[in-house]
Amino acid sequence: MLKDLLEAKKGFKLVCGAGNEDELEVEKLVAIYSLAGCQFFDVCAKPEIVDAAKRGLARSGIKNDRYLCVSVGIAGDPHVMKAHIDKDKCLQCGNCRAVCPHEAITKTLDVVKTRCLGCNQCVLQCPVNAITMNSEIKDYSEVLPPIIEKGIDCIEFHAISTDENDVDEKWAQLNSMFDGMLCISLDRSELGDKKLKERVKRLLLKREPFTTIIQADGVAMSGNDDEYGTTLQAVATAQLFQNAKMNAYIMMSGGTNTKSTELTKLCGVKPHCLAVGSFARKIVKDYLKMENLLDDKKALNEAVQIAKSLIDVSLGNMIDD
């Protein structure tokens, strides 16, 4: 059970991307990381993406101890945003395409929405403010029932927002729809430490003890390098929740890399699970581009060994009680 994995404090979650709607890439990612030993997978909340993840698990040939989570968001949360380029303002400089980590911008500077994860890198590089990020929110009552019917183990709620009423309403909706593990994903970008803890404590009142994961985000979708500074905020946020002694599991994410659990060990932080997205995808990126990867045993094994090195070093540094 997922609960057993979290209790052991040896969990590793692959984040395929809440906005990643590329079915073949998700299938490849899940197959690679499942073969490498990953047991927990986070994917976009679309039936076809859940199916792709399940195909990836089937490709790995491992049927037990593999858990699927889908991510849903809230207006303003970067995980559910997509880039839009205003061609009337655009200078055609190509800066956005050059920095996009997910190759979601074409040569003609059109955004491929199925590949856009909302990381905001293109916006930061545009010299004329021609790019905006737009929330793409759908009603949970439409999105989730067909996914829940397919069989999932967790729903992750991205709640990076200042609108407490909206947070509470969507959290209540999730609790009424799903009786499995729920995850609250938030960071310190919108709220100070006091308000952040108050929000989580309020949301946990609706849940039984340890039926919830708190995903302590550093800086969302920022893990494109392997530096200590990149993961520092994630460790600090996890420490904040650990010190609050809440009846929930703590998962660290947002800027996570191979340095993450090494830094938690130095700081005495004991997360139950480490979630890695941008960095985990980056290190196998070249293999994901191979059309026949899943049928090429040599290339697939190479990708698996790269993924395994990330998982092994991450779990090796997690602190035992």
Protein backbone atom coordinates (compact mmCIF):
# COMPACT_ATOMS: atom_id res chain seq x y z
CA MET A 1 0.00 0.00 0.00
CA LEU A 2 1.03 3.61 -0.59
CA LYS A 3 0.70 4.24 3.15
CA ASP A 4 3.35 1.58 3.84
CA LEU A 5 5.76 3.23 1.41
CA LEU A 6 5.33 6.57 3.17
CA GLU A 7 5.60 5.06 6.65
CA ALA A 8 8.98 3.59 5.71
CA LYS A 9 10.29 7.09 4.83
CA LYS A 10 11.89 5.69 1.71
CA GLY A 11 9.52 6.98 -0.95
CA PHE A 12 10.57 8.39 -4.32
CA LYS A 13 7.95 9.94 -6.59
CA LEU A 14 8.49 10.69 -10.26
CA VAL A 15 6.65 13.84 -11.31
CA CYS A 16 5.76 13.53 -14.99
CA GLY A 17 4.25 17.03 -14.83
CA ALA A 18 0.74 18.20 -13.94
CA GLY A 19 0.57 19.85 -17.35
CA ASN A 20 2.36 17.11 -19.30
CA GLU A 21 -0.21 15.79 -21.77
CA ASP A 22 2.26 13.99 -24.03
CA GLU A 23 1.03 10.39 -23.81
CA LEU A 24 4.10 8.72 -25.31
CA GLU A 25 6.51 10.67 -23.13
CA VAL A 26 4.56 9.79 -19.99
CA GLU A 27 4.53 6.11 -20.99
CA LYS A 28 8.31 6.18 -21.51
CA LEU A 29 8.99 8.08 -18.27
CA VAL A 30 6.91 5.70 -16.17
CA ALA A 31 8.48 2.63 -17.78
CA ILE A 32 12.04 3.93 -17.25
CA TYR A 33 11.54 4.97 -13.65
CA SER A 34 9.50 1.92 -12.70
CA LEU A 35 12.30 -0.32 -13.97
CA ALA A 36 14.74 1.87 -12.01
CA GLY A 37 12.86 1.21 -8.76
CA CYS A 38 10.46 4.15 -8.49
CA GLN A 39 7.14 3.18 -6.91
CA PHE A 40 5.12 6.42 -6.99
CA PHE A 41 4.15 8.38 -10.12
CA ASP A 42 2.44 11.75 -10.52
CA VAL A 43 0.67 12.48 -13.81
CA CYS A 44 -1.74 14.91 -15.43
CA ALA A 45 -5.40 14.46 -14.51
CA LYS A 46 -6.61 13.22 -17.89
CA PRO A 47 -7.92 9.70 -18.57
CA GLU A 48 -5.65 9.22 -21.57
CA ILE A 49 -2.59 10.19 -19.51
CA VAL A 50 -3.54 7.77 -16.73
CA ASP A 51 -3.87 5.10 -19.42
CA ALA A 52 -0.42 6.05 -20.75
CA ALA A 53 1.07 5.74 -17.25
CA LYS A 54 -0.52 2.32 -16.85
CA ARG A 55 0.95 1.26 -20.19
CA GLY A 56 4.33 2.38 -18.88
CA LEU A 57 3.89 0.25 -15.78
CA ALA A 58 2.88 -2.69 -17.95
CA ARG A 59 5.99 -2.15 -20.08
CA SER A 60 8.13 -2.39 -16.97
CA GLY A 61 6.59 -5.75 -16.18
CA ILE A 62 6.27 -4.82 -12.49
CA LYS A 63 2.70 -5.27 -11.28
CA ASN A 64 2.94 -4.76 -7.52
CA ASP A 65 3.94 -1.83 -5.30
CA ARG A 66 3.43 0.84 -7.96
CA TYR A 67 1.16 3.79 -7.18
CA LEU A 68 -0.43 6.45 -9.38
CA CYS A 69 -1.31 10.00 -8.38
CA VAL A 70 -3.07 12.63 -10.52
CA SER A 71 -2.60 16.36 -10.01
CA VAL A 72 -5.31 19.01 -10.09
CA GLY A 73 -4.91 22.72 -9.58
CA ILE A 74 -6.51 26.01 -8.71
CA ALA A 75 -6.63 29.36 -10.49
CA GLY A 76 -3.25 31.05 -10.21
CA ASP A 77 -1.24 27.89 -9.54
CA PRO A 78 1.64 27.61 -12.04
CA HIS A 79 1.19 23.85 -12.44
CA VAL A 80 -2.07 24.35 -14.35
CA MET A 81 -0.95 27.22 -16.57
CA LYS A 82 -0.07 27.22 -20.25
CA ALA A 83 1.95 29.79 -22.16
CA HIS A 84 0.37 32.00 -24.83
CA ILE A 85 2.47 34.04 -27.29
CA ASP A 86 0.96 37.24 -28.67
CA LYS A 87 2.21 37.22 -32.27
CA ASP A 88 1.40 40.92 -32.67
CA LYS A 89 3.94 41.77 -29.95
CA CYS A 90 6.44 39.00 -30.67
CA LEU A 91 9.85 40.03 -32.11
CA GLN A 92 10.59 36.49 -33.36
CA CYS A 93 13.84 36.57 -31.35
CA GLY A 94 13.48 32.91 -30.34
CA ASN A 95 14.56 33.44 -26.73
CA CYS A 96 11.48 31.61 -25.48
CA ARG A 97 12.14 28.57 -27.61
CA ALA A 98 15.77 28.46 -26.53
CA VAL A 99 14.98 28.33 -22.81
CA CYS A 100 11.89 26.07 -22.86
CA PRO A 101 13.00 22.94 -20.94
CA HIS A 102 10.19 20.84 -22.37
CA GLU A 103 10.50 21.81 -26.05
CA ALA A 104 6.94 23.11 -26.05
CA ILE A 105 7.62 25.99 -28.46
CA THR A 106 7.93 25.32 -32.19
CA LYS A 107 10.20 26.95 -34.77
CA THR A 108 7.26 29.16 -35.75
CA LEU A 109 6.95 30.16 -32.07
CA ASP A 110 3.66 28.41 -31.47
CA VAL A 111 3.03 26.77 -28.11
CA VAL A 112 2.38 23.02 -28.11
CA LYS A 113 0.00 22.97 -25.16
CA THR A 114 0.30 19.25 -24.55
CA ARG A 115 3.98 19.81 -23.72
CA CYS A 116 3.77 23.13 -21.86
CA LEU A 117 4.16 22.63 -18.09
CA GLY A 118 3.72 26.25 -17.04
CA CYS A 119 7.27 26.75 -15.79
CA ASN A 120 7.31 30.44 -16.78
CA GLN A 121 10.84 30.35 -18.23
CA CYS A 122 9.67 31.71 -21.58
CA VAL A 123 7.94 34.66 -19.89
CA LEU A 124 11.12 35.60 -18.05
CA GLN A 125 13.14 35.64 -21.27
CA CYS A 126 10.73 37.62 -23.47
CA PRO A 127 12.11 41.17 -24.03
CA VAL A 128 8.73 42.65 -25.01
CA ASN A 129 6.32 40.89 -22.62
CA ALA A 130 4.63 39.07 -25.48
CA ILE A 131 4.03 35.90 -23.46
CA THR A 132 1.37 35.36 -20.81
CA MET A 133 0.54 32.36 -18.67
CA ASN A 134 -3.12 31.37 -18.63
CA SER A 135 -4.82 29.07 -16.11
CA GLU A 136 -6.62 26.10 -17.62
CA ILE A 137 -8.98 24.98 -14.89
CA LYS A 138 -11.74 22.41 -15.37
CA ASP A 139 -14.43 21.41 -12.93
CA TYR A 140 -13.26 18.52 -10.78
CA SER A 141 -16.69 16.88 -11.06
CA GLU A 142 -16.10 16.53 -14.80
CA VAL A 143 -12.42 15.64 -14.75
CA LEU A 144 -12.02 13.23 -11.85
CA PRO A 145 -14.84 10.62 -11.91
CA PRO A 146 -13.62 8.80 -15.05
CA ILE A 147 -10.07 8.84 -13.69
CA ILE A 148 -11.10 7.54 -10.27
CA GLU A 149 -12.96 4.71 -12.02
CA LYS A 150 -9.74 3.67 -13.75
CA GLY A 151 -8.08 3.17 -10.37
CA ILE A 152 -5.66 5.64 -8.82
CA ASP A 153 -4.03 5.81 -5.41
CA CYS A 154 -3.80 9.52 -4.70
CA ILE A 155 -5.01 12.93 -5.83
CA GLU A 156 -2.67 15.88 -5.45
CA PHE A 157 -4.18 19.32 -4.94
CA HIS A 158 -1.93 22.18 -6.08
CA ALA A 159 -3.03 25.02 -3.82
CA ILE A 160 -0.60 27.86 -4.55
CA SER A 161 -3.17 30.65 -4.17
CA THR A 162 -4.18 33.48 -1.85
CA ASP A 163 -7.91 32.76 -2.26
CA GLU A 164 -8.77 30.84 0.90
CA ASN A 165 -12.41 30.37 -0.07
CA ASP A 166 -11.47 28.79 -3.38
CA VAL A 167 -8.94 26.54 -1.65
CA ASP A 168 -11.54 25.41 0.91
CA GLU A 169 -14.23 24.80 -1.70
CA LYS A 170 -12.00 22.70 -3.93
CA TRP A 171 -10.60 20.76 -0.97
CA ALA A 172 -14.15 19.95 0.18
CA GLN A 173 -15.00 18.81 -3.33
CA LEU A 174 -11.99 16.48 -3.43
CA ASN A 175 -12.87 15.01 -0.04
CA SER A 176 -16.42 14.30 -1.19
CA MET A 177 -15.27 12.58 -4.38
CA PHE A 178 -12.31 10.46 -3.31
CA ASP A 179 -11.69 8.38 -0.20
CA GLY A 180 -8.05 7.54 -0.90
CA MET A 181 -4.87 9.42 -0.08
CA LEU A 182 -4.97 13.17 -0.76
CA CYS A 183 -1.96 15.44 -1.14
CA ILE A 184 -1.77 19.21 -0.57
CA SER A 185 0.96 20.85 -2.64
CA LEU A 186 2.03 24.37 -1.63
CA ASP A 187 5.01 26.64 -1.28
CA ARG A 188 5.95 29.95 0.38
CA SER A 189 5.56 32.13 -2.73
CA GLU A 190 2.12 33.51 -1.78
CA LEU A 191 1.83 33.03 1.99
CA GLY A 192 4.11 33.60 4.96
CA ASP A 193 5.01 30.71 7.24
CA LYS A 194 2.25 31.43 9.78
CA LYS A 195 -0.57 31.58 7.22
CA LEU A 196 0.82 28.58 5.39
CA LYS A 197 0.68 26.46 8.53
CA GLU A 198 -2.76 27.77 9.41
CA ARG A 199 -4.07 26.78 5.99
CA VAL A 200 -2.71 23.26 6.18
CA LYS A 201 -3.98 22.73 9.72
CA ARG A 202 -7.45 23.87 8.62
CA LEU A 203 -7.48 21.51 5.62
CA LEU A 204 -6.28 18.59 7.73
CA LEU A 205 -9.29 18.99 10.05
CA LYS A 206 -11.37 17.36 7.32
CA ARG A 207 -9.12 14.30 7.21
CA GLU A 208 -8.26 11.33 9.40
CA PRO A 209 -4.67 11.37 10.72
CA PHE A 210 -2.08 10.31 8.17
CA THR A 211 -4.42 10.03 5.22
CA THR A 212 -2.87 13.16 3.73
CA ILE A 213 0.48 14.08 2.22
CA ILE A 214 1.83 17.62 2.52
CA GLN A 215 3.96 18.30 -0.54
CA ALA A 216 6.44 20.91 0.62
CA ASP A 217 7.41 22.74 -2.54
CA GLY A 218 10.50 24.86 -2.87
CA VAL A 219 10.26 26.66 -6.19
CA ALA A 220 7.92 24.82 -8.54
CA MET A 221 9.45 23.37 -11.71
CA SER A 222 12.89 24.82 -10.99
CA GLY A 223 15.02 21.68 -10.77
CA ASN A 224 16.92 22.01 -14.01
CA ASP A 225 20.34 21.91 -12.37
CA ASP A 226 21.95 19.86 -9.61
CA GLU A 227 22.97 22.55 -7.14
CA TYR A 228 22.38 22.81 -3.39
CA GLY A 229 20.86 26.26 -3.81
CA THR A 230 18.20 24.92 -6.17
CA THR A 231 16.80 22.55 -3.58
CA LEU A 232 17.33 24.77 -0.52
CA GLN A 233 13.78 26.17 -0.44
CA ALA A 234 12.24 22.69 -0.65
CA VAL A 235 14.26 21.58 2.38
CA ALA A 236 13.28 24.73 4.31
CA THR A 237 9.57 24.24 3.54
CA ALA A 238 9.73 20.58 4.57
CA GLN A 239 11.42 21.63 7.82
CA LEU A 240 8.63 24.14 8.45
CA PHE A 241 5.99 21.42 8.31
CA GLN A 242 8.09 18.89 10.21
CA ASN A 243 8.48 21.35 13.08
CA ALA A 244 4.71 21.96 13.09
CA LYS A 245 4.21 18.25 13.94
CA MET A 246 1.10 17.76 11.81
CA ASN A 247 -0.68 14.41 11.43
CA ALA A 248 0.34 14.05 7.81
CA TYR A 249 3.16 12.69 5.69
CA ILE A 250 5.70 15.16 4.31
CA MET A 251 6.91 14.97 0.73
CA MET A 252 9.57 17.32 -0.59
CA SER A 253 9.39 18.74 -4.11
CA GLY A 254 10.09 21.83 -6.21
CA GLY A 255 13.73 22.21 -7.27
CA THR A 256 14.61 18.74 -6.02
CA ASN A 257 17.70 16.96 -7.36
CA THR A 258 20.49 14.63 -6.20
CA LYS A 259 21.46 17.12 -3.48
CA SER A 260 18.00 17.20 -1.86
CA THR A 261 18.17 14.37 0.64
CA GLU A 262 21.85 15.05 1.31
CA LEU A 263 20.79 18.52 2.47
CA THR A 264 17.86 17.16 4.49
CA LYS A 265 20.29 14.87 6.29
CA LEU A 266 22.53 17.79 7.19
CA CYS A 267 19.51 19.77 8.44
CA GLY A 268 17.86 16.93 10.36
CA VAL A 269 14.80 16.99 8.10
CA LYS A 270 13.08 13.63 7.65
CA PRO A 271 10.62 13.66 4.73
CA HIS A 272 8.56 10.56 4.09
CA CYS A 273 9.02 10.90 0.36
CA LEU A 274 11.05 12.82 -2.21
CA ALA A 275 9.32 13.95 -5.41
CA VAL A 276 11.50 14.87 -8.39
CA GLY A 277 10.18 16.30 -11.64
CA SER A 278 12.24 18.67 -13.78
CA PHE A 279 15.59 17.12 -12.90
CA ALA A 280 14.31 13.54 -13.24
CA ARG A 281 12.96 14.29 -16.71
CA LYS A 282 16.06 16.21 -17.77
CA ILE A 283 18.57 13.45 -17.10
CA VAL A 284 16.73 11.01 -19.43
CA LYS A 285 15.63 13.65 -21.94
CA ASP A 286 17.75 12.36 -24.82
CA TYR A 287 16.26 8.88 -24.44
CA LEU A 288 12.71 10.22 -24.37
CA LYS A 289 13.28 11.58 -27.87
CA MET A 290 13.93 8.08 -29.21
CA GLU A 291 10.80 6.89 -30.98
CA ASN A 292 11.48 3.18 -30.41
CA LEU A 293 13.00 3.51 -26.93
CA LEU A 294 10.71 0.98 -25.27
CA ASP A 295 11.68 -1.67 -27.84
CA ASP A 296 15.40 -0.89 -27.80
CA LYS A 297 16.71 -2.94 -24.87
CA LYS A 298 20.17 -1.38 -24.88
CA ALA A 299 18.95 2.23 -24.91
CA LEU A 300 16.20 1.51 -22.39
CA ASN A 301 18.68 -0.09 -20.00
CA GLU A 302 20.97 2.94 -20.30
CA ALA A 303 18.08 5.25 -19.41
CA VAL A 304 17.09 3.01 -16.51
CA GLN A 305 20.63 3.09 -15.08
CA ILE A 306 20.65 6.91 -15.19
CA ALA A 307 17.28 7.04 -13.43
CA LYS A 308 18.40 4.42 -10.91
CA SER A 309 21.43 6.51 -9.95
CA LEU A 310 19.12 9.40 -9.02
CA ILE A 311 16.80 7.16 -7.01
CA ASP A 312 19.61 5.32 -5.23
CA VAL A 313 21.45 8.46 -4.11
CA SER A 314 18.17 10.09 -3.05
CA LEU A 315 16.93 7.18 -0.97
CA GLY A 316 20.40 6.45 0.38
CA ASN A 317 20.53 9.83 2.10
CA MET A 318 17.07 9.70 3.67
CA ILE A 319 17.30 9.53 7.46
CA ASP A 320 16.14 6.43 9.28
CA ASP A 321 14.43 6.93 12.62
